[in-house]
Amino acid sequence: MAIALRIDWPEVTPEVYEAARDRVRWEEDVPDGLLTHASWFDDGGFHVFDIWESEGQFAQFIAGRIEPVLKGELGLQSDPTVTTSPLHRRFVAPGVSGAA
């Protein structure tokens, strides 16, 4: 079952995010099951909204590719708050594609 998820992680800075993106290369080597990724920063820190084909695929990506970089190479100490819900519907406007 597809899921929508939100990640909130105050410890992640724009510099940490870009370093992780460069190392993990999820835009070039898209993880199995990832359908949509959006991220932003505000006064509360780093936030993500993703849609995945399954919670298991998300968990596999985090354990296999994200945690070794963020916790290992980049030395983050905290854990994110992750909220998941079954996806009810997904709509992508015509003509929308690619990364921004």
PDB file of N, CA and C in Angstrom:
ATOM      1  N   MET A   1       0.838  -1.183   0.000  1.00  0.00           N
ATOM      2  CA  MET A   1       0.000   0.000   0.000  1.00  0.00           C
ATOM      3  C   MET A   1       0.882   1.245   0.000  1.00  0.00           C
ATOM      4  N   ALA A   2       0.574   2.184  -0.862  1.00  0.00           N
ATOM      5  CA  ALA A   2       1.344   3.428  -0.928  1.00  0.00           C
ATOM      6  C   ALA A   2       1.139   4.250   0.338  1.00  0.00           C
ATOM      7  N   ILE A   3       2.194   4.983   0.707  1.00  0.00           N
ATOM      8  CA  ILE A   3       2.133   5.823   1.903  1.00  0.00           C
ATOM      9  C   ILE A   3       2.567   7.247   1.574  1.00  0.00           C
ATOM     10  N   ALA A   4       2.005   8.170   2.340  1.00  0.00           N
ATOM     11  CA  ALA A   4       2.490   9.547   2.377  1.00  0.00           C
ATOM     12  C   ALA A   4       3.236   9.675   3.690  1.00  0.00           C
ATOM     13  N   LEU A   5       4.366  10.375   3.667  1.00  0.00           N
ATOM     14  CA  LEU A   5       5.096  10.534   4.919  1.00  0.00           C
ATOM     15  C   LEU A   5       5.666  11.928   5.034  1.00  0.00           C
ATOM     16  N   ARG A   6       5.835  12.322   6.285  1.00  0.00           N
ATOM     17  CA  ARG A   6       6.458  13.601   6.600  1.00  0.00           C
ATOM     18  C   ARG A   6       7.591  13.318   7.567  1.00  0.00           C
ATOM     19  N   ILE A   7       8.716  13.972   7.303  1.00  0.00           N
ATOM     20  CA  ILE A   7       9.876  13.891   8.182  1.00  0.00           C
ATOM     21  C   ILE A   7      10.174  15.295   8.674  1.00  0.00           C
ATOM     22  N   ASP A   8      10.385  15.425   9.970  1.00  0.00           N
ATOM     23  CA  ASP A   8      10.818  16.681  10.583  1.00  0.00           C
ATOM     24  C   ASP A   8      12.117  16.384  11.322  1.00  0.00           C
ATOM     25  N   TRP A   9      13.165  17.165  11.026  1.00  0.00           N
ATOM     26  CA  TRP A   9      14.479  16.883  11.604  1.00  0.00           C
ATOM     27  C   TRP A   9      15.221  18.198  11.818  1.00  0.00           C
ATOM     28  N   PRO A  10      15.085  18.800  12.998  1.00  0.00           N
ATOM     29  CA  PRO A  10      15.696  20.106  13.262  1.00  0.00           C
ATOM     30  C   PRO A  10      17.213  20.140  13.094  1.00  0.00           C
ATOM     31  N   GLU A  11      17.900  19.029  13.310  1.00  0.00           N
ATOM     32  CA  GLU A  11      19.364  19.015  13.248  1.00  0.00           C
ATOM     33  C   GLU A  11      19.907  19.158  11.820  1.00  0.00           C
ATOM     34  N   VAL A  12      19.111  18.812  10.826  1.00  0.00           N
ATOM     35  CA  VAL A  12      19.582  18.854   9.441  1.00  0.00           C
ATOM     36  C   VAL A  12      19.555  20.298   8.935  1.00  0.00           C
ATOM     37  N   THR A  13      20.700  20.763   8.473  1.00  0.00           N
ATOM     38  CA  THR A  13      20.840  22.096   7.882  1.00  0.00           C
ATOM     39  C   THR A  13      20.843  21.973   6.358  1.00  0.00           C
ATOM     40  N   PRO A  14      20.705  23.088   5.649  1.00  0.00           N
ATOM     41  CA  PRO A  14      20.827  23.000   4.191  1.00  0.00           C
ATOM     42  C   PRO A  14      22.164  22.397   3.747  1.00  0.00           C
ATOM     43  N   GLU A  15      23.230  22.695   4.466  1.00  0.00           N
ATOM     44  CA  GLU A  15      24.547  22.150   4.112  1.00  0.00           C
ATOM     45  C   GLU A  15      24.594  20.635   4.305  1.00  0.00           C
ATOM     46  N   VAL A  16      24.010  20.153   5.394  1.00  0.00           N
ATOM     47  CA  VAL A  16      23.958  18.708   5.644  1.00  0.00           C
ATOM     48  C   VAL A  16      23.106  18.022   4.577  1.00  0.00           C
ATOM     49  N   TYR A  17      21.968  18.618   4.249  1.00  0.00           N
ATOM     50  CA  TYR A  17      21.092  18.039   3.223  1.00  0.00           C
ATOM     51  C   TYR A  17      21.827  17.916   1.890  1.00  0.00           C
ATOM     52  N   GLU A  18      22.502  18.980   1.473  1.00  0.00           N
ATOM     53  CA  GLU A  18      23.208  18.954   0.190  1.00  0.00           C
ATOM     54  C   GLU A  18      24.368  17.957   0.207  1.00  0.00           C
ATOM     55  N   ALA A  19      25.065  17.851   1.343  1.00  0.00           N
ATOM     56  CA  ALA A  19      26.143  16.863   1.455  1.00  0.00           C
ATOM     57  C   ALA A  19      25.579  15.447   1.343  1.00  0.00           C
ATOM     58  N   ALA A  20      24.448  15.194   2.001  1.00  0.00           N
ATOM     59  CA  ALA A  20      23.813  13.875   1.915  1.00  0.00           C
ATOM     60  C   ALA A  20      23.331  13.604   0.493  1.00  0.00           C
ATOM     61  N   ARG A  21      22.741  14.593  -0.131  1.00  0.00           N
ATOM     62  CA  ARG A  21      22.245  14.433  -1.508  1.00  0.00           C
ATOM     63  C   ARG A  21      23.390  14.104  -2.464  1.00  0.00           C
ATOM     64  N   ASP A  22      24.524  14.769  -2.281  1.00  0.00           N
ATOM     65  CA  ASP A  22      25.695  14.494  -3.122  1.00  0.00           C
ATOM     66  C   ASP A  22      26.224  13.079  -2.923  1.00  0.00           C
ATOM     67  N   ARG A  23      26.200  12.591  -1.677  1.00  0.00           N
ATOM     68  CA  ARG A  23      26.747  11.260  -1.385  1.00  0.00           C
ATOM     69  C   ARG A  23      25.769  10.137  -1.753  1.00  0.00           C
ATOM     70  N   VAL A  24      24.498  10.312  -1.389  1.00  0.00           N
ATOM     71  CA  VAL A  24      23.507   9.252  -1.601  1.00  0.00           C
ATOM     72  C   VAL A  24      23.032   9.216  -3.058  1.00  0.00           C
ATOM     73  N   ARG A  25      22.957  10.359  -3.701  1.00  0.00           N
ATOM     74  CA  ARG A  25      22.587  10.478  -5.120  1.00  0.00           C
ATOM     75  C   ARG A  25      21.214   9.871  -5.421  1.00  0.00           C
ATOM     76  N   TRP A  26      20.226  10.188  -4.575  1.00  0.00           N
ATOM     77  CA  TRP A  26      18.895   9.625  -4.759  1.00  0.00           C
ATOM     78  C   TRP A  26      18.186  10.168  -5.995  1.00  0.00           C
ATOM     79  N   GLU A  27      18.627  11.300  -6.522  1.00  0.00           N
ATOM     80  CA  GLU A  27      18.017  11.795  -7.762  1.00  0.00           C
ATOM     81  C   GLU A  27      18.558  11.047  -8.982  1.00  0.00           C
ATOM     82  N   GLU A  28      19.805  10.619  -8.923  1.00  0.00           N
ATOM     83  CA  GLU A  28      20.415   9.878 -10.023  1.00  0.00           C
ATOM     84  C   GLU A  28      20.157   8.377  -9.917  1.00  0.00           C
ATOM     85  N   ASP A  29      20.133   7.863  -8.702  1.00  0.00           N
ATOM     86  CA  ASP A  29      19.894   6.443  -8.433  1.00  0.00           C
ATOM     87  C   ASP A  29      18.659   6.356  -7.538  1.00  0.00           C
ATOM     88  N   VAL A  30      17.504   6.534  -8.162  1.00  0.00           N
ATOM     89  CA  VAL A  30      16.241   6.650  -7.430  1.00  0.00           C
ATOM     90  C   VAL A  30      15.966   5.353  -6.674  1.00  0.00           C
ATOM     91  N   PRO A  31      15.684   5.462  -5.367  1.00  0.00           N
ATOM     92  CA  PRO A  31      15.412   4.252  -4.590  1.00  0.00           C
ATOM     93  C   PRO A  31      14.119   3.570  -5.037  1.00  0.00           C
ATOM     94  N   ASP A  32      14.134   2.239  -4.961  1.00  0.00           N
ATOM     95  CA  ASP A  32      12.939   1.470  -5.288  1.00  0.00           C
ATOM     96  C   ASP A  32      11.778   1.940  -4.425  1.00  0.00           C
ATOM     97  N   GLY A  33      10.675   2.271  -5.067  1.00  0.00           N
ATOM     98  CA  GLY A  33       9.463   2.626  -4.346  1.00  0.00           C
ATOM     99  C   GLY A  33       9.235   4.108  -4.139  1.00  0.00           C
ATOM    100  N   LEU A  34      10.237   4.946  -4.343  1.00  0.00           N
ATOM    101  CA  LEU A  34      10.042   6.386  -4.158  1.00  0.00           C
ATOM    102  C   LEU A  34       9.277   6.947  -5.348  1.00  0.00           C
ATOM    103  N   LEU A  35       8.171   7.632  -5.066  1.00  0.00           N
ATOM    104  CA  LEU A  35       7.360   8.222  -6.123  1.00  0.00           C
ATOM    105  C   LEU A  35       7.509   9.739  -6.187  1.00  0.00           C
ATOM    106  N   THR A  36       7.600  10.391  -5.037  1.00  0.00           N
ATOM    107  CA  THR A  36       7.689  11.853  -4.972  1.00  0.00           C
ATOM    108  C   THR A  36       8.498  12.255  -3.755  1.00  0.00           C
ATOM    109  N   HIS A  37       9.337  13.277  -3.919  1.00  0.00           N
ATOM    110  CA  HIS A  37      10.114  13.822  -2.797  1.00  0.00           C
ATOM    111  C   HIS A  37      10.081  15.341  -2.879  1.00  0.00           C
ATOM    112  N   ALA A  38       9.769  15.976  -1.773  1.00  0.00           N
ATOM    113  CA  ALA A  38       9.852  17.436  -1.657  1.00  0.00           C
ATOM    114  C   ALA A  38      10.437  17.748  -0.288  1.00  0.00           C
ATOM    115  N   SER A  39      11.303  18.756  -0.224  1.00  0.00           N
ATOM    116  CA  SER A  39      11.903  19.124   1.063  1.00  0.00           C
ATOM    117  C   SER A  39      11.950  20.632   1.192  1.00  0.00           C
ATOM    118  N   TRP A  40      11.994  21.101   2.447  1.00  0.00           N
ATOM    119  CA  TRP A  40      12.065  22.531   2.713  1.00  0.00           C
ATOM    120  C   TRP A  40      12.620  22.775   4.104  1.00  0.00           C
ATOM    121  N   PHE A  41      13.026  24.014   4.324  1.00  0.00           N
ATOM    122  CA  PHE A  41      13.543  24.464   5.616  1.00  0.00           C
ATOM    123  C   PHE A  41      12.706  25.640   6.086  1.00  0.00           C
ATOM    124  N   ASP A  42      12.499  25.701   7.402  1.00  0.00           N
ATOM    125  CA  ASP A  42      11.869  26.862   8.014  1.00  0.00           C
ATOM    126  C   ASP A  42      12.449  27.019   9.417  1.00  0.00           C
ATOM    127  N   ASP A  43      11.815  27.831  10.246  1.00  0.00           N
ATOM    128  CA  ASP A  43      12.340  28.063  11.593  1.00  0.00           C
ATOM    129  C   ASP A  43      12.398  26.789  12.433  1.00  0.00           C
ATOM    130  N   GLY A  44      11.620  25.770  12.074  1.00  0.00           N
ATOM    131  CA  GLY A  44      11.626  24.497  12.786  1.00  0.00           C
ATOM    132  C   GLY A  44      12.635  23.505  12.249  1.00  0.00           C
ATOM    133  N   GLY A  45      13.405  23.914  11.251  1.00  0.00           N
ATOM    134  CA  GLY A  45      14.423  23.033  10.705  1.00  0.00           C
ATOM    135  C   GLY A  45      14.048  22.460   9.358  1.00  0.00           C
ATOM    136  N   PHE A  46      14.414  21.207   9.160  1.00  0.00           N
ATOM    137  CA  PHE A  46      14.282  20.493   7.891  1.00  0.00           C
ATOM    138  C   PHE A  46      13.004  19.666   7.873  1.00  0.00           C
ATOM    139  N   HIS A  47      12.338  19.657   6.722  1.00  0.00           N
ATOM    140  CA  HIS A  47      11.097  18.905   6.561  1.00  0.00           C
ATOM    141  C   HIS A  47      11.091  18.221   5.199  1.00  0.00           C
ATOM    142  N   VAL A  48      10.441  17.069   5.148  1.00  0.00           N
ATOM    143  CA  VAL A  48      10.298  16.302   3.909  1.00  0.00           C
ATOM    144  C   VAL A  48       8.849  15.867   3.784  1.00  0.00           C
ATOM    145  N   PHE A  49       8.359  15.870   2.559  1.00  0.00           N
ATOM    146  CA  PHE A  49       7.111  15.200   2.219  1.00  0.00           C
ATOM    147  C   PHE A  49       7.440  14.225   1.097  1.00  0.00           C
ATOM    148  N   ASP A  50       7.186  12.949   1.314  1.00  0.00           N
ATOM    149  CA  ASP A  50       7.446  11.907   0.321  1.00  0.00           C
ATOM    150  C   ASP A  50       6.196  11.078   0.094  1.00  0.00           C
ATOM    151  N   ILE A  51       6.135  10.463  -1.068  1.00  0.00           N
ATOM    152  CA  ILE A  51       5.173   9.404  -1.341  1.00  0.00           C
ATOM    153  C   ILE A  51       5.978   8.187  -1.780  1.00  0.00           C
ATOM    154  N   TRP A  52       5.716   7.059  -1.122  1.00  0.00           N
ATOM    155  CA  TRP A  52       6.403   5.796  -1.397  1.00  0.00           C
ATOM    156  C   TRP A  52       5.383   4.718  -1.742  1.00  0.00           C
ATOM    157  N   GLU A  53       5.813   3.752  -2.532  1.00  0.00           N
ATOM    158  CA  GLU A  53       4.953   2.614  -2.858  1.00  0.00           C
ATOM    159  C   GLU A  53       4.633   1.784  -1.623  1.00  0.00           C
ATOM    160  N   SER A  54       5.579   1.726  -0.661  1.00  0.00           N
ATOM    161  CA  SER A  54       5.330   0.972   0.569  1.00  0.00           C
ATOM    162  C   SER A  54       6.218   1.488   1.693  1.00  0.00           C
ATOM    163  N   GLU A  55       5.778   1.256   2.911  1.00  0.00           N
ATOM    164  CA  GLU A  55       6.572   1.641   4.075  1.00  0.00           C
ATOM    165  C   GLU A  55       7.858   0.822   4.153  1.00  0.00           C
ATOM    166  N   GLY A  56       7.793  -0.430   3.721  1.00  0.00           N
ATOM    167  CA  GLY A  56       8.984  -1.279   3.722  1.00  0.00           C
ATOM    168  C   GLY A  56      10.076  -0.757   2.807  1.00  0.00           C
ATOM    169  N   GLN A  57       9.701  -0.259   1.643  1.00  0.00           N
ATOM    170  CA  GLN A  57      10.698   0.299   0.725  1.00  0.00           C
ATOM    171  C   GLN A  57      11.333   1.559   1.304  1.00  0.00           C
ATOM    172  N   PHE A  58      10.533   2.385   1.958  1.00  0.00           N
ATOM    173  CA  PHE A  58      11.075   3.566   2.633  1.00  0.00           C
ATOM    174  C   PHE A  58      12.062   3.140   3.714  1.00  0.00           C
ATOM    175  N   ALA A  59      11.677   2.180   4.548  1.00  0.00           N
ATOM    176  CA  ALA A  59      12.547   1.718   5.634  1.00  0.00           C
ATOM    177  C   ALA A  59      13.855   1.147   5.090  1.00  0.00           C
ATOM    178  N   GLN A  60      13.784   0.414   4.005  1.00  0.00           N
ATOM    179  CA  GLN A  60      14.987  -0.162   3.394  1.00  0.00           C
ATOM    180  C   GLN A  60      15.925   0.939   2.892  1.00  0.00           C
ATOM    181  N   PHE A  61      15.383   1.970   2.276  1.00  0.00           N
ATOM    182  CA  PHE A  61      16.194   3.095   1.794  1.00  0.00           C
ATOM    183  C   PHE A  61      16.865   3.824   2.956  1.00  0.00           C
ATOM    184  N   ILE A  62      16.123   4.065   4.016  1.00  0.00           N
ATOM    185  CA  ILE A  62      16.693   4.764   5.174  1.00  0.00           C
ATOM    186  C   ILE A  62      17.823   3.937   5.777  1.00  0.00           C
ATOM    187  N   ALA A  63      17.563   2.658   6.045  1.00  0.00           N
ATOM    188  CA  ALA A  63      18.570   1.808   6.691  1.00  0.00           C
ATOM    189  C   ALA A  63      19.788   1.571   5.802  1.00  0.00           C
ATOM    190  N   GLY A  64      19.570   1.410   4.509  1.00  0.00           N
ATOM    191  CA  GLY A  64      20.667   1.041   3.624  1.00  0.00           C
ATOM    192  C   GLY A  64      21.455   2.186   3.028  1.00  0.00           C
ATOM    193  N   ARG A  65      20.807   3.345   2.874  1.00  0.00           N
ATOM    194  CA  ARG A  65      21.492   4.433   2.165  1.00  0.00           C
ATOM    195  C   ARG A  65      21.548   5.748   2.944  1.00  0.00           C
ATOM    196  N   ILE A  66      20.510   6.083   3.685  1.00  0.00           N
ATOM    197  CA  ILE A  66      20.485   7.383   4.375  1.00  0.00           C
ATOM    198  C   ILE A  66      21.223   7.335   5.709  1.00  0.00           C
ATOM    199  N   GLU A  67      20.872   6.382   6.569  1.00  0.00           N
ATOM    200  CA  GLU A  67      21.506   6.326   7.898  1.00  0.00           C
ATOM    201  C   GLU A  67      23.025   6.202   7.838  1.00  0.00           C
ATOM    202  N   PRO A  68      23.595   5.359   6.967  1.00  0.00           N
ATOM    203  CA  PRO A  68      25.063   5.283   6.935  1.00  0.00           C
ATOM    204  C   PRO A  68      25.725   6.626   6.612  1.00  0.00           C
ATOM    205  N   VAL A  69      25.062   7.445   5.827  1.00  0.00           N
ATOM    206  CA  VAL A  69      25.628   8.754   5.485  1.00  0.00           C
ATOM    207  C   VAL A  69      25.358   9.767   6.593  1.00  0.00           C
ATOM    208  N   LEU A  70      24.093   9.936   6.979  1.00  0.00           N
ATOM    209  CA  LEU A  70      23.771  10.970   7.968  1.00  0.00           C
ATOM    210  C   LEU A  70      24.337  10.655   9.344  1.00  0.00           C
ATOM    211  N   LYS A  71      24.180   9.435   9.799  1.00  0.00           N
ATOM    212  CA  LYS A  71      24.655   9.067  11.136  1.00  0.00           C
ATOM    213  C   LYS A  71      26.129   8.694  11.132  1.00  0.00           C
ATOM    214  N   GLY A  72      26.590   8.068  10.059  1.00  0.00           N
ATOM    215  CA  GLY A  72      27.981   7.636   9.975  1.00  0.00           C
ATOM    216  C   GLY A  72      28.899   8.732   9.488  1.00  0.00           C
ATOM    217  N   GLU A  73      28.844   9.027   8.198  1.00  0.00           N
ATOM    218  CA  GLU A  73      29.770   9.984   7.586  1.00  0.00           C
ATOM    219  C   GLU A  73      29.594  11.411   8.092  1.00  0.00           C
ATOM    220  N   LEU A  74      28.347  11.856   8.263  1.00  0.00           N
ATOM    221  CA  LEU A  74      28.102  13.254   8.622  1.00  0.00           C
ATOM    222  C   LEU A  74      27.905  13.471  10.116  1.00  0.00           C
ATOM    223  N   GLY A  75      27.780  12.399  10.889  1.00  0.00           N
ATOM    224  CA  GLY A  75      27.797  12.473  12.347  1.00  0.00           C
ATOM    225  C   GLY A  75      26.570  13.050  13.027  1.00  0.00           C
ATOM    226  N   LEU A  76      25.400  12.993  12.405  1.00  0.00           N
ATOM    227  CA  LEU A  76      24.202  13.482  13.077  1.00  0.00           C
ATOM    228  C   LEU A  76      23.905  12.620  14.295  1.00  0.00           C
ATOM    229  N   GLN A  77      23.435  13.257  15.360  1.00  0.00           N
ATOM    230  CA  GLN A  77      23.182  12.565  16.622  1.00  0.00           C
ATOM    231  C   GLN A  77      21.703  12.297  16.875  1.00  0.00           C
ATOM    232  N   SER A  78      20.840  13.141  16.358  1.00  0.00           N
ATOM    233  CA  SER A  78      19.411  13.025  16.661  1.00  0.00           C
ATOM    234  C   SER A  78      18.710  12.119  15.650  1.00  0.00           C
ATOM    235  N   ASP A  79      17.469  11.795  15.974  1.00  0.00           N
ATOM    236  CA  ASP A  79      16.611  11.040  15.065  1.00  0.00           C
ATOM    237  C   ASP A  79      15.479  11.944  14.591  1.00  0.00           C
ATOM    238  N   PRO A  80      15.001  11.734  13.386  1.00  0.00           N
ATOM    239  CA  PRO A  80      13.888  12.549  12.899  1.00  0.00           C
ATOM    240  C   PRO A  80      12.564  12.084  13.490  1.00  0.00           C
ATOM    241  N   THR A  81      11.580  12.946  13.400  1.00  0.00           N
ATOM    242  CA  THR A  81      10.199  12.556  13.653  1.00  0.00           C
ATOM    243  C   THR A  81       9.602  12.192  12.303  1.00  0.00           C
ATOM    244  N   VAL A  82       9.112  10.963  12.195  1.00  0.00           N
ATOM    245  CA  VAL A  82       8.549  10.474  10.932  1.00  0.00           C
ATOM    246  C   VAL A  82       7.083  10.133  11.162  1.00  0.00           C
ATOM    247  N   THR A  83       6.222  10.689  10.324  1.00  0.00           N
ATOM    248  CA  THR A  83       4.790  10.422  10.386  1.00  0.00           C
ATOM    249  C   THR A  83       4.368   9.823   9.053  1.00  0.00           C
ATOM    250  N   THR A  84       3.715   8.662   9.095  1.00  0.00           N
ATOM    251  CA  THR A  84       3.253   8.025   7.859  1.00  0.00           C
ATOM    252  C   THR A  84       1.748   7.814   7.909  1.00  0.00           C
ATOM    253  N   SER A  85       1.145   7.830   6.741  1.00  0.00           N
ATOM    254  CA  SER A  85      -0.288   7.567   6.596  1.00  0.00           C
ATOM    255  C   SER A  85      -0.511   6.846   5.278  1.00  0.00           C
ATOM    256  N   PRO A  86      -1.520   5.979   5.220  1.00  0.00           N
ATOM    257  CA  PRO A  86      -1.850   5.376   3.935  1.00  0.00           C
ATOM    258  C   PRO A  86      -2.234   6.483   2.946  1.00  0.00           C
ATOM    259  N   LEU A  87      -1.763   6.370   1.736  1.00  0.00           N
ATOM    260  CA  LEU A  87      -2.064   7.371   0.719  1.00  0.00           C
ATOM    261  C   LEU A  87      -3.488   7.171   0.215  1.00  0.00           C
ATOM    262  N   HIS A  88      -4.252   8.233   0.215  1.00  0.00           N
ATOM    263  CA  HIS A  88      -5.618   8.168  -0.309  1.00  0.00           C
ATOM    264  C   HIS A  88      -5.635   8.443  -1.810  1.00  0.00           C
ATOM    265  N   ARG A  89      -4.945   9.499  -2.224  1.00  0.00           N
ATOM    266  CA  ARG A  89      -4.947   9.860  -3.641  1.00  0.00           C
ATOM    267  C   ARG A  89      -3.703  10.674  -3.942  1.00  0.00           C
ATOM    268  N   ARG A  90      -3.226  10.530  -5.160  1.00  0.00           N
ATOM    269  CA  ARG A  90      -2.083  11.315  -5.635  1.00  0.00           C
ATOM    270  C   ARG A  90      -2.480  11.943  -6.961  1.00  0.00           C
ATOM    271  N   PHE A  91      -2.189  13.235  -7.101  1.00  0.00           N
ATOM    272  CA  PHE A  91      -2.460  13.955  -8.338  1.00  0.00           C
ATOM    273  C   PHE A  91      -1.211  14.733  -8.706  1.00  0.00           C
ATOM    274  N   VAL A  92      -0.804  14.644  -9.952  1.00  0.00           N
ATOM    275  CA  VAL A  92       0.308  15.430 -10.471  1.00  0.00           C
ATOM    276  C   VAL A  92      -0.246  16.241 -11.634  1.00  0.00           C
ATOM    277  N   ALA A  93      -0.075  17.550 -11.558  1.00  0.00           N
ATOM    278  CA  ALA A  93      -0.602  18.429 -12.597  1.00  0.00           C
ATOM    279  C   ALA A  93       0.027  18.103 -13.948  1.00  0.00           C
ATOM    280  N   PRO A  94      -0.736  18.197 -15.010  1.00  0.00           N
ATOM    281  CA  PRO A  94      -0.193  17.940 -16.344  1.00  0.00           C
ATOM    282  C   PRO A  94       1.010  18.850 -16.628  1.00  0.00           C
ATOM    283  N   GLY A  95       2.025  18.265 -17.215  1.00  0.00           N
ATOM    284  CA  GLY A  95       3.210  19.032 -17.569  1.00  0.00           C
ATOM    285  C   GLY A  95       4.254  19.136 -16.480  1.00  0.00           C
ATOM    286  N   VAL A  96       3.964  18.647 -15.281  1.00  0.00           N
ATOM    287  CA  VAL A  96       4.925  18.712 -14.184  1.00  0.00           C
ATOM    288  C   VAL A  96       5.804  17.473 -14.230  1.00  0.00           C
ATOM    289  N   SER A  97       7.122  17.694 -14.233  1.00  0.00           N
ATOM    290  CA  SER A  97       8.059  16.580 -14.189  1.00  0.00           C
ATOM    291  C   SER A  97       9.415  17.099 -13.761  1.00  0.00           C
ATOM    292  N   GLY A  98      10.280  16.190 -13.359  1.00  0.00           N
ATOM    293  CA  GLY A  98      11.659  16.544 -13.049  1.00  0.00           C
ATOM    294  C   GLY A  98      11.848  17.231 -11.719  1.00  0.00           C
ATOM    295  N   ALA A  99      13.098  17.565 -11.448  1.00  0.00           N
ATOM    296  CA  ALA A  99      13.480  18.200 -10.191  1.00  0.00           C
ATOM    297  C   ALA A  99      13.501  19.709 -10.360  1.00  0.00           C
ATOM    298  N   ALA A 100      13.294  20.393  -9.256  1.00  0.00           N
ATOM    299  CA  ALA A 100      13.348  21.863  -9.271  1.00  0.00           C
ATOM    300  C   ALA A 100      14.400  22.347  -8.311  1.00  0.00           C
TER     301      ALA A 100
END
